[in-house]
Every structure is written in structure tokens, then in C-alpha cells.
Amino acid sequence: MKRRFRPAESRGQSLVEFALILPIFILVLVGIFDGGRLVFAYHTVNNAAREGGREATVNQTITDIQARAAEHAVALGIDPTTVSVDFRLPTGAGPNTPGSCNSAVGTPQIYGCLAVVQVTYDYVPAIPLMATVMGRNVVTVTGEVRFPVEFNCVDNLAINLDCPLGN
């Protein structure tokens, strides 16, 4: 078997080409992982909001709703106190307005209201170049759900109701 002779210049040329391409390749690879982390955060936040909304349809205790949403976003480290919970009329009235159902919690008037649960997370890109490309250092990822209230279960010993979820 005969070996082909390669001049020494071609080996040096390959090394220079590799040195030029390697940083770009690594940047693209890390960018793909960073994008995957952003998609993961988006899905986790939306799932946490959905689980909090499911809790709010049967149990209108704010701390229980916040805890349920936060326990479904453990990987992101979301604080339960940052989960926003509001009860609104289906017409879309904002929080603490005359069209709000917040005063109806624990009463039969809560039926027909919408439980609105919002979970937010501040995503920080892993590489500063991605932050420069996106134009900001922090991307706020928000998940919000609106579910109708189906059962009136509050944390009140005078009412003494059994919650469907056993809480």
C-alpha cells in the first residue's frame, strides 16, 4: 500500500481553519443549549400556571394556589409569593375593580367567576452575547391561565368543607 505524500503547508492550513471555525461552532452549540433552556422555562412556567389554575377552580385559598404553582416549577426556583392570583368576572375586569370577584371568595357568588393565575420567571441567558443579541440581560417569561370556578372550598373552619383534592 502506498502512502500519499502531504506537504507540511496543508497540515498548517487545516489547523488554522479549525482554529477559525471552532469558536463559531462552540458559540452556535451553546446558543442552541441556551435556546433549549428558554423553551424549558417557557413550558415549565405555563405548566405551573395551569396547575395553580386547576387548584384555584376548587380551592380559593391564595396560599394553597401559590404553593401548588410553585411546586410544579421547582426546577426554576419560583417563589410562591411571586405567583399572582386573582378572581375576575368573565367580562375581563382587572384586579381590585368593581367587576372583580375577589370579594366573593368564600361565598356562593364566586361561581361563574374566573380564577386567573399568573406565574412569571426572569430568564438570564448563559452567555452574554445572547443577551446582547436579544437586547436585554433578562427575559421575562410569563404563563397565565383563566379557569372558571367550579367548587367553593376555602380555608375556613366555620364552613368546614372538604376540598376535592383533600387539602
N, C-alpha and C. Protein backbone atom coordinates (compact mmCIF):
# COMPACT_ATOMS: atom_id res chain seq x y z
N MET A 1 0.83 -1.16 0.00
CA MET A 1 0.00 0.00 0.00
C MET A 1 0.89 1.24 0.00
N LYS A 2 0.54 2.13 -0.83
CA LYS A 2 1.36 3.31 -1.00
C LYS A 2 0.75 4.48 -0.24
N ARG A 3 1.53 5.22 0.53
CA ARG A 3 1.06 6.41 1.26
C ARG A 3 1.19 7.63 0.38
N ARG A 4 0.18 8.47 0.49
CA ARG A 4 0.25 9.72 -0.25
C ARG A 4 1.06 10.72 0.55
N PHE A 5 1.81 11.47 -0.16
CA PHE A 5 2.63 12.49 0.49
C PHE A 5 1.83 13.78 0.58
N ARG A 6 1.76 14.34 1.81
CA ARG A 6 1.08 15.62 2.02
C ARG A 6 2.11 16.66 2.41
N PRO A 7 2.12 17.77 1.74
CA PRO A 7 3.08 18.81 2.12
C PRO A 7 2.77 19.35 3.51
N ALA A 8 3.76 19.87 4.16
CA ALA A 8 3.62 20.41 5.52
C ALA A 8 2.69 21.61 5.54
N GLU A 9 2.57 22.36 4.45
CA GLU A 9 1.70 23.55 4.43
C GLU A 9 0.22 23.18 4.59
N SER A 10 -0.20 22.06 4.05
CA SER A 10 -1.62 21.69 4.13
C SER A 10 -2.01 21.33 5.56
N ARG A 11 -1.07 20.76 6.32
CA ARG A 11 -1.38 20.47 7.72
C ARG A 11 -1.54 21.76 8.51
N GLY A 12 -0.74 22.74 8.25
CA GLY A 12 -0.85 24.03 8.92
C GLY A 12 -2.12 24.75 8.52
N GLN A 13 -2.51 24.61 7.26
CA GLN A 13 -3.73 25.24 6.78
C GLN A 13 -4.94 24.64 7.48
N SER A 14 -4.98 23.36 7.66
CA SER A 14 -6.09 22.70 8.36
C SER A 14 -6.18 23.17 9.80
N LEU A 15 -5.04 23.35 10.44
CA LEU A 15 -5.03 23.81 11.82
C LEU A 15 -5.57 25.23 11.93
N VAL A 16 -5.20 26.09 10.99
CA VAL A 16 -5.70 27.48 11.00
C VAL A 16 -7.20 27.49 10.74
N GLU A 17 -7.68 26.71 9.79
CA GLU A 17 -9.12 26.64 9.50
C GLU A 17 -9.89 26.14 10.72
N PHE A 18 -9.36 25.13 11.37
CA PHE A 18 -10.01 24.59 12.57
C PHE A 18 -10.05 25.65 13.67
N ALA A 19 -8.97 26.40 13.84
CA ALA A 19 -8.91 27.44 14.87
C ALA A 19 -9.90 28.57 14.57
N LEU A 20 -10.17 28.84 13.30
CA LEU A 20 -11.14 29.88 12.95
C LEU A 20 -12.58 29.41 13.12
N ILE A 21 -12.85 28.17 12.84
CA ILE A 21 -14.22 27.64 12.89
C ILE A 21 -14.63 27.23 14.30
N LEU A 22 -13.71 26.76 15.14
CA LEU A 22 -14.04 26.23 16.46
C LEU A 22 -14.81 27.22 17.35
N PRO A 23 -14.39 28.48 17.48
CA PRO A 23 -15.17 29.39 18.34
C PRO A 23 -16.59 29.62 17.83
N ILE A 24 -16.76 29.70 16.53
CA ILE A 24 -18.10 29.88 15.96
C ILE A 24 -18.95 28.65 16.23
N PHE A 25 -18.37 27.48 16.07
CA PHE A 25 -19.09 26.23 16.33
C PHE A 25 -19.52 26.14 17.79
N ILE A 26 -18.62 26.47 18.69
CA ILE A 26 -18.94 26.42 20.13
C ILE A 26 -20.03 27.44 20.47
N LEU A 27 -19.97 28.63 19.89
CA LEU A 27 -20.97 29.66 20.13
C LEU A 27 -22.35 29.20 19.65
N VAL A 28 -22.41 28.60 18.49
CA VAL A 28 -23.68 28.08 17.97
C VAL A 28 -24.19 26.96 18.86
N LEU A 29 -23.32 26.09 19.29
CA LEU A 29 -23.71 24.97 20.16
C LEU A 29 -24.26 25.47 21.50
N VAL A 30 -23.57 26.40 22.12
CA VAL A 30 -24.04 26.96 23.40
C VAL A 30 -25.34 27.74 23.19
N GLY A 31 -25.47 28.42 22.04
CA GLY A 31 -26.71 29.13 21.73
C GLY A 31 -27.89 28.19 21.62
N ILE A 32 -27.66 27.01 21.05
CA ILE A 32 -28.72 26.02 20.95
C ILE A 32 -29.12 25.53 22.34
N PHE A 33 -28.15 25.28 23.20
CA PHE A 33 -28.47 24.88 24.58
C PHE A 33 -29.19 25.99 25.33
N ASP A 34 -28.78 27.23 25.11
CA ASP A 34 -29.43 28.37 25.77
C ASP A 34 -30.88 28.51 25.30
N GLY A 35 -31.09 28.32 24.01
CA GLY A 35 -32.46 28.35 23.48
C GLY A 35 -33.30 27.23 24.06
N GLY A 36 -32.70 26.07 24.24
CA GLY A 36 -33.40 24.96 24.88
C GLY A 36 -33.79 25.26 26.31
N ARG A 37 -32.90 25.94 27.03
CA ARG A 37 -33.22 26.34 28.41
C ARG A 37 -34.38 27.32 28.43
N LEU A 38 -34.44 28.23 27.44
CA LEU A 38 -35.54 29.20 27.37
C LEU A 38 -36.86 28.49 27.08
N VAL A 39 -36.85 27.54 26.17
CA VAL A 39 -38.06 26.77 25.87
C VAL A 39 -38.50 25.97 27.10
N PHE A 40 -37.54 25.38 27.82
CA PHE A 40 -37.86 24.65 29.04
C PHE A 40 -38.50 25.58 30.08
N ALA A 41 -37.95 26.78 30.24
CA ALA A 41 -38.52 27.74 31.19
C ALA A 41 -39.94 28.13 30.78
N TYR A 42 -40.16 28.34 29.49
CA TYR A 42 -41.48 28.71 28.99
C TYR A 42 -42.51 27.61 29.30
N HIS A 43 -42.16 26.37 29.02
CA HIS A 43 -43.10 25.27 29.27
C HIS A 43 -43.31 25.03 30.76
N THR A 44 -42.26 25.17 31.55
CA THR A 44 -42.39 24.98 33.00
C THR A 44 -43.28 26.05 33.62
N VAL A 45 -43.10 27.29 33.21
CA VAL A 45 -43.92 28.39 33.74
C VAL A 45 -45.38 28.21 33.35
N ASN A 46 -45.64 27.82 32.11
CA ASN A 46 -47.03 27.60 31.69
C ASN A 46 -47.66 26.41 32.40
N ASN A 47 -46.90 25.35 32.64
CA ASN A 47 -47.42 24.21 33.38
C ASN A 47 -47.71 24.59 34.83
N ALA A 48 -46.84 25.39 35.44
CA ALA A 48 -47.06 25.83 36.82
C ALA A 48 -48.32 26.68 36.92
N ALA A 49 -48.52 27.57 35.96
CA ALA A 49 -49.74 28.39 35.96
C ALA A 49 -50.98 27.53 35.78
N ARG A 50 -50.89 26.53 34.91
CA ARG A 50 -52.02 25.63 34.69
C ARG A 50 -52.37 24.84 35.95
N GLU A 51 -51.36 24.34 36.64
CA GLU A 51 -51.61 23.60 37.89
C GLU A 51 -52.18 24.51 38.97
N GLY A 52 -51.66 25.74 39.06
CA GLY A 52 -52.23 26.70 40.01
C GLY A 52 -53.67 27.03 39.68
N GLY A 53 -53.97 27.15 38.40
CA GLY A 53 -55.35 27.41 37.97
C GLY A 53 -56.28 26.26 38.29
N ARG A 54 -55.79 25.03 38.13
CA ARG A 54 -56.60 23.87 38.48
C ARG A 54 -56.91 23.86 39.98
N GLU A 55 -55.93 24.25 40.78
CA GLU A 55 -56.16 24.34 42.23
C GLU A 55 -57.18 25.43 42.54
N ALA A 56 -57.09 26.55 41.82
CA ALA A 56 -57.97 27.69 42.09
C ALA A 56 -59.42 27.41 41.73
N THR A 57 -59.67 26.47 40.83
CA THR A 57 -61.06 26.18 40.45
C THR A 57 -61.83 25.50 41.57
N VAL A 58 -61.11 24.83 42.48
CA VAL A 58 -61.79 24.11 43.56
C VAL A 58 -61.43 24.62 44.95
N ASN A 59 -60.34 25.34 45.07
CA ASN A 59 -59.86 25.80 46.37
C ASN A 59 -59.38 27.24 46.21
N GLN A 60 -60.11 28.17 46.77
CA GLN A 60 -59.79 29.58 46.58
C GLN A 60 -58.86 30.15 47.65
N THR A 61 -58.14 29.30 48.36
CA THR A 61 -57.16 29.76 49.34
C THR A 61 -55.90 30.17 48.58
N ILE A 62 -55.55 31.44 48.65
CA ILE A 62 -54.46 32.01 47.86
C ILE A 62 -53.14 31.28 48.13
N THR A 63 -52.82 31.02 49.38
CA THR A 63 -51.53 30.38 49.70
C THR A 63 -51.46 28.96 49.14
N ASP A 64 -52.59 28.24 49.12
CA ASP A 64 -52.60 26.90 48.54
C ASP A 64 -52.37 26.96 47.03
N ILE A 65 -52.98 27.93 46.38
CA ILE A 65 -52.83 28.09 44.94
C ILE A 65 -51.38 28.43 44.60
N GLN A 66 -50.81 29.37 45.35
CA GLN A 66 -49.42 29.76 45.11
C GLN A 66 -48.46 28.60 45.35
N ALA A 67 -48.71 27.83 46.40
CA ALA A 67 -47.84 26.70 46.72
C ALA A 67 -47.93 25.62 45.63
N ARG A 68 -49.13 25.37 45.13
CA ARG A 68 -49.31 24.36 44.08
C ARG A 68 -48.58 24.78 42.80
N ALA A 69 -48.69 26.05 42.44
CA ALA A 69 -48.00 26.53 41.24
C ALA A 69 -46.48 26.46 41.42
N ALA A 70 -46.00 26.85 42.57
CA ALA A 70 -44.55 26.86 42.81
C ALA A 70 -43.97 25.45 42.86
N GLU A 71 -44.73 24.48 43.38
CA GLU A 71 -44.20 23.12 43.45
C GLU A 71 -44.12 22.47 42.08
N HIS A 72 -44.80 23.02 41.09
CA HIS A 72 -44.69 22.50 39.72
C HIS A 72 -43.65 23.26 38.91
N ALA A 73 -42.94 24.18 39.56
CA ALA A 73 -41.84 24.90 38.89
C ALA A 73 -40.59 24.85 39.76
N VAL A 74 -40.37 23.71 40.40
CA VAL A 74 -39.23 23.55 41.30
C VAL A 74 -37.91 23.75 40.57
N ALA A 75 -37.82 23.29 39.33
CA ALA A 75 -36.57 23.39 38.58
C ALA A 75 -36.16 24.84 38.34
N LEU A 76 -37.13 25.76 38.34
CA LEU A 76 -36.82 27.17 38.12
C LEU A 76 -36.64 27.94 39.43
N GLY A 77 -37.04 27.35 40.53
CA GLY A 77 -36.89 28.01 41.83
C GLY A 77 -37.82 29.20 42.00
N ILE A 78 -39.06 29.05 41.56
CA ILE A 78 -40.03 30.15 41.68
C ILE A 78 -40.53 30.25 43.10
N ASP A 79 -40.53 31.46 43.63
CA ASP A 79 -41.02 31.73 44.97
C ASP A 79 -42.55 31.77 44.95
N PRO A 80 -43.23 31.07 45.86
CA PRO A 80 -44.70 31.07 45.84
C PRO A 80 -45.33 32.46 45.97
N THR A 81 -44.65 33.36 46.65
CA THR A 81 -45.23 34.70 46.82
C THR A 81 -45.23 35.52 45.54
N THR A 82 -44.48 35.09 44.52
CA THR A 82 -44.47 35.83 43.26
C THR A 82 -45.58 35.37 42.30
N VAL A 83 -46.32 34.32 42.68
CA VAL A 83 -47.42 33.84 41.85
C VAL A 83 -48.62 34.75 42.09
N SER A 84 -49.15 35.32 41.02
CA SER A 84 -50.28 36.25 41.12
C SER A 84 -51.60 35.49 40.95
N VAL A 85 -52.53 35.69 41.89
CA VAL A 85 -53.83 35.03 41.84
C VAL A 85 -54.91 36.10 41.94
N ASP A 86 -55.89 36.01 41.05
CA ASP A 86 -56.98 36.99 41.03
C ASP A 86 -58.26 36.28 40.59
N PHE A 87 -59.39 36.77 41.06
CA PHE A 87 -60.68 36.24 40.65
C PHE A 87 -61.43 37.37 39.97
N ARG A 88 -61.86 37.13 38.72
CA ARG A 88 -62.48 38.18 37.91
C ARG A 88 -63.78 37.70 37.30
N LEU A 89 -64.61 38.67 36.95
CA LEU A 89 -65.81 38.36 36.18
C LEU A 89 -65.39 37.95 34.77
N PRO A 90 -66.18 37.13 34.11
CA PRO A 90 -65.81 36.71 32.75
C PRO A 90 -65.68 37.86 31.76
N THR A 91 -66.17 39.04 32.10
CA THR A 91 -66.06 40.19 31.19
C THR A 91 -64.64 40.71 31.10
N GLY A 92 -63.75 40.26 31.99
CA GLY A 92 -62.35 40.64 31.91
C GLY A 92 -61.98 41.83 32.75
N ALA A 93 -62.75 42.12 33.78
CA ALA A 93 -62.41 43.25 34.65
C ALA A 93 -61.07 43.01 35.31
N GLY A 94 -60.32 44.05 35.51
CA GLY A 94 -58.99 43.95 36.11
C GLY A 94 -59.06 43.68 37.61
N PRO A 95 -57.91 43.47 38.24
CA PRO A 95 -57.89 43.18 39.68
C PRO A 95 -58.33 44.38 40.51
N ASN A 96 -59.03 44.09 41.59
CA ASN A 96 -59.47 45.10 42.56
C ASN A 96 -60.31 46.20 41.92
N THR A 97 -61.10 45.86 40.93
CA THR A 97 -62.03 46.80 40.31
C THR A 97 -63.44 46.38 40.70
N PRO A 98 -64.45 47.24 40.46
CA PRO A 98 -65.81 46.84 40.81
C PRO A 98 -66.26 45.54 40.13
N GLY A 99 -65.67 45.18 39.00
CA GLY A 99 -66.03 43.94 38.32
C GLY A 99 -65.23 42.74 38.81
N SER A 100 -64.46 42.92 39.84
CA SER A 100 -63.64 41.84 40.36
C SER A 100 -64.45 40.94 41.27
N CYS A 101 -64.08 39.67 41.32
CA CYS A 101 -64.75 38.70 42.20
C CYS A 101 -63.95 38.43 43.46
N ASN A 102 -62.92 39.20 43.74
CA ASN A 102 -62.08 38.93 44.91
C ASN A 102 -62.89 39.00 46.20
N SER A 103 -63.90 39.86 46.26
CA SER A 103 -64.70 39.96 47.48
C SER A 103 -65.70 38.81 47.60
N ALA A 104 -65.90 38.04 46.53
CA ALA A 104 -66.87 36.93 46.55
C ALA A 104 -66.23 35.61 46.98
N VAL A 105 -64.94 35.59 47.24
CA VAL A 105 -64.28 34.34 47.65
C VAL A 105 -64.89 33.87 48.97
N GLY A 106 -65.28 32.62 49.01
CA GLY A 106 -65.89 32.04 50.21
C GLY A 106 -67.39 32.18 50.24
N THR A 107 -67.98 32.75 49.20
CA THR A 107 -69.43 32.90 49.13
C THR A 107 -69.94 32.20 47.86
N PRO A 108 -71.24 31.95 47.78
CA PRO A 108 -71.78 31.32 46.56
C PRO A 108 -71.63 32.18 45.30
N GLN A 109 -71.39 33.48 45.45
CA GLN A 109 -71.24 34.36 44.29
C GLN A 109 -69.95 34.12 43.51
N ILE A 110 -69.07 33.28 44.04
CA ILE A 110 -67.80 33.00 43.37
C ILE A 110 -68.03 32.15 42.11
N TYR A 111 -69.16 31.39 42.06
CA TYR A 111 -69.43 30.57 40.89
C TYR A 111 -69.66 31.47 39.68
N GLY A 112 -69.05 31.12 38.57
CA GLY A 112 -69.15 31.93 37.37
C GLY A 112 -68.00 32.90 37.20
N CYS A 113 -67.21 33.07 38.25
CA CYS A 113 -66.03 33.94 38.15
C CYS A 113 -64.88 33.15 37.55
N LEU A 114 -63.89 33.87 37.06
CA LEU A 114 -62.70 33.23 36.51
C LEU A 114 -61.55 33.33 37.50
N ALA A 115 -60.89 32.24 37.72
CA ALA A 115 -59.67 32.24 38.52
C ALA A 115 -58.51 32.50 37.56
N VAL A 116 -57.78 33.59 37.79
CA VAL A 116 -56.67 33.98 36.93
C VAL A 116 -55.38 33.80 37.72
N VAL A 117 -54.52 32.89 37.23
CA VAL A 117 -53.24 32.62 37.89
C VAL A 117 -52.13 32.98 36.91
N GLN A 118 -51.19 33.80 37.40
CA GLN A 118 -50.08 34.24 36.55
C GLN A 118 -48.76 33.93 37.25
N VAL A 119 -47.88 33.23 36.51
CA VAL A 119 -46.55 32.88 37.02
C VAL A 119 -45.53 33.55 36.11
N THR A 120 -44.57 34.26 36.71
CA THR A 120 -43.52 34.90 35.93
C THR A 120 -42.15 34.40 36.38
N TYR A 121 -41.22 34.40 35.44
CA TYR A 121 -39.86 33.95 35.71
C TYR A 121 -38.91 34.81 34.90
N ASP A 122 -37.84 35.26 35.53
CA ASP A 122 -36.82 36.04 34.85
C ASP A 122 -35.71 35.11 34.36
N TYR A 123 -35.67 34.90 33.06
CA TYR A 123 -34.67 34.03 32.44
C TYR A 123 -33.42 34.84 32.12
N VAL A 124 -32.28 34.36 32.55
CA VAL A 124 -31.00 35.01 32.29
C VAL A 124 -30.21 34.12 31.34
N PRO A 125 -29.87 34.62 30.14
CA PRO A 125 -29.10 33.80 29.19
C PRO A 125 -27.73 33.42 29.77
N ALA A 126 -27.24 32.26 29.36
CA ALA A 126 -25.99 31.73 29.90
C ALA A 126 -24.78 32.48 29.36
N ILE A 127 -24.87 32.97 28.13
CA ILE A 127 -23.73 33.68 27.56
C ILE A 127 -24.11 35.13 27.31
N PRO A 128 -23.23 36.05 27.63
CA PRO A 128 -23.54 37.48 27.47
C PRO A 128 -23.84 37.87 26.03
N LEU A 129 -23.27 37.17 25.06
CA LEU A 129 -23.52 37.51 23.66
C LEU A 129 -24.99 37.32 23.31
N MET A 130 -25.63 36.28 23.86
CA MET A 130 -27.06 36.06 23.61
C MET A 130 -27.88 37.21 24.19
N ALA A 131 -27.48 37.71 25.35
CA ALA A 131 -28.18 38.85 25.94
C ALA A 131 -28.05 40.07 25.04
N THR A 132 -26.89 40.24 24.42
CA THR A 132 -26.67 41.37 23.52
C THR A 132 -27.53 41.22 22.27
N VAL A 133 -27.61 40.01 21.74
CA VAL A 133 -28.42 39.76 20.55
C VAL A 133 -29.90 40.00 20.85
N MET A 134 -30.37 39.56 22.02
CA MET A 134 -31.77 39.75 22.39
C MET A 134 -32.06 41.18 22.82
N GLY A 135 -31.04 41.95 23.13
CA GLY A 135 -31.24 43.34 23.50
C GLY A 135 -31.51 43.57 24.98
N ARG A 136 -31.42 42.54 25.79
CA ARG A 136 -31.64 42.69 27.24
C ARG A 136 -30.95 41.56 27.98
N ASN A 137 -30.63 41.81 29.22
CA ASN A 137 -29.93 40.80 30.04
C ASN A 137 -30.89 39.79 30.66
N VAL A 138 -32.16 40.16 30.79
CA VAL A 138 -33.15 39.29 31.42
C VAL A 138 -34.37 39.22 30.51
N VAL A 139 -34.87 38.02 30.28
CA VAL A 139 -36.10 37.82 29.51
C VAL A 139 -37.16 37.36 30.49
N THR A 140 -38.27 38.09 30.57
CA THR A 140 -39.35 37.72 31.47
C THR A 140 -40.29 36.76 30.75
N VAL A 141 -40.39 35.56 31.31
CA VAL A 141 -41.27 34.52 30.76
C VAL A 141 -42.52 34.48 31.64
N THR A 142 -43.68 34.59 31.03
CA THR A 142 -44.93 34.66 31.78
C THR A 142 -45.90 33.59 31.30
N GLY A 143 -46.54 32.94 32.25
CA GLY A 143 -47.59 31.97 31.96
C GLY A 143 -48.85 32.40 32.71
N GLU A 144 -49.97 32.46 32.00
CA GLU A 144 -51.23 32.88 32.63
C GLU A 144 -52.36 31.98 32.16
N VAL A 145 -53.22 31.59 33.09
CA VAL A 145 -54.39 30.79 32.77
C VAL A 145 -55.63 31.44 33.39
N ARG A 146 -56.77 31.15 32.78
CA ARG A 146 -58.07 31.62 33.28
C ARG A 146 -59.03 30.43 33.26
N PHE A 147 -59.39 29.97 34.45
CA PHE A 147 -60.30 28.84 34.57
C PHE A 147 -61.53 29.27 35.35
N PRO A 148 -62.71 28.75 35.00
CA PRO A 148 -63.91 29.08 35.78
C PRO A 148 -63.91 28.35 37.13
N VAL A 149 -64.43 29.02 38.14
CA VAL A 149 -64.51 28.42 39.48
C VAL A 149 -65.62 27.38 39.47
N GLU A 150 -65.30 26.16 39.93
CA GLU A 150 -66.25 25.05 39.90
C GLU A 150 -66.69 24.60 41.28
N PHE A 151 -65.91 24.91 42.30
CA PHE A 151 -66.23 24.44 43.64
C PHE A 151 -65.75 25.49 44.62
N ASN A 152 -66.48 25.67 45.70
CA ASN A 152 -66.15 26.69 46.68
C ASN A 152 -65.57 26.03 47.92
N CYS A 153 -64.26 25.95 47.97
CA CYS A 153 -63.58 25.33 49.10
C CYS A 153 -62.56 26.33 49.62
N VAL A 154 -62.80 26.84 50.80
CA VAL A 154 -61.88 27.83 51.37
C VAL A 154 -61.29 27.30 52.67
N ASP A 155 -60.21 27.90 53.09
CA ASP A 155 -59.55 27.51 54.32
C ASP A 155 -60.23 28.23 55.49
N ASN A 156 -61.43 27.76 55.85
CA ASN A 156 -62.21 28.42 56.89
C ASN A 156 -62.85 27.33 57.76
N LEU A 157 -62.53 27.30 59.03
CA LEU A 157 -63.06 26.26 59.92
C LEU A 157 -64.55 26.40 60.17
N ALA A 158 -65.11 27.62 60.05
CA ALA A 158 -66.54 27.81 60.28
C ALA A 158 -67.36 27.14 59.18
N ILE A 159 -66.85 27.10 57.95
CA ILE A 159 -67.58 26.49 56.86
C ILE A 159 -67.43 24.98 56.89
N ASN A 160 -66.23 24.50 57.22
CA ASN A 160 -65.92 23.08 57.40
C ASN A 160 -66.24 22.25 56.15
N LEU A 161 -65.76 22.69 55.01
CA LEU A 161 -65.93 21.95 53.77
C LEU A 161 -64.76 21.02 53.53
N ASP A 162 -65.00 19.90 52.88
CA ASP A 162 -63.93 19.03 52.45
C ASP A 162 -63.55 19.39 51.02
N CYS A 163 -62.30 19.68 50.81
CA CYS A 163 -61.85 20.03 49.45
C CYS A 163 -61.75 18.75 48.63
N PRO A 164 -62.07 18.82 47.34
CA PRO A 164 -61.98 17.63 46.48
C PRO A 164 -60.56 17.07 46.40
N LEU A 165 -59.54 17.90 46.58
CA LEU A 165 -58.17 17.42 46.48
C LEU A 165 -57.64 16.93 47.82
N GLY A 166 -58.43 17.00 48.87
CA GLY A 166 -58.03 16.51 50.17
C GLY A 166 -57.17 17.46 50.96
N ASN A 167 -57.11 18.71 50.57
CA ASN A 167 -56.31 19.70 51.30
C ASN A 167 -57.03 20.18 52.53
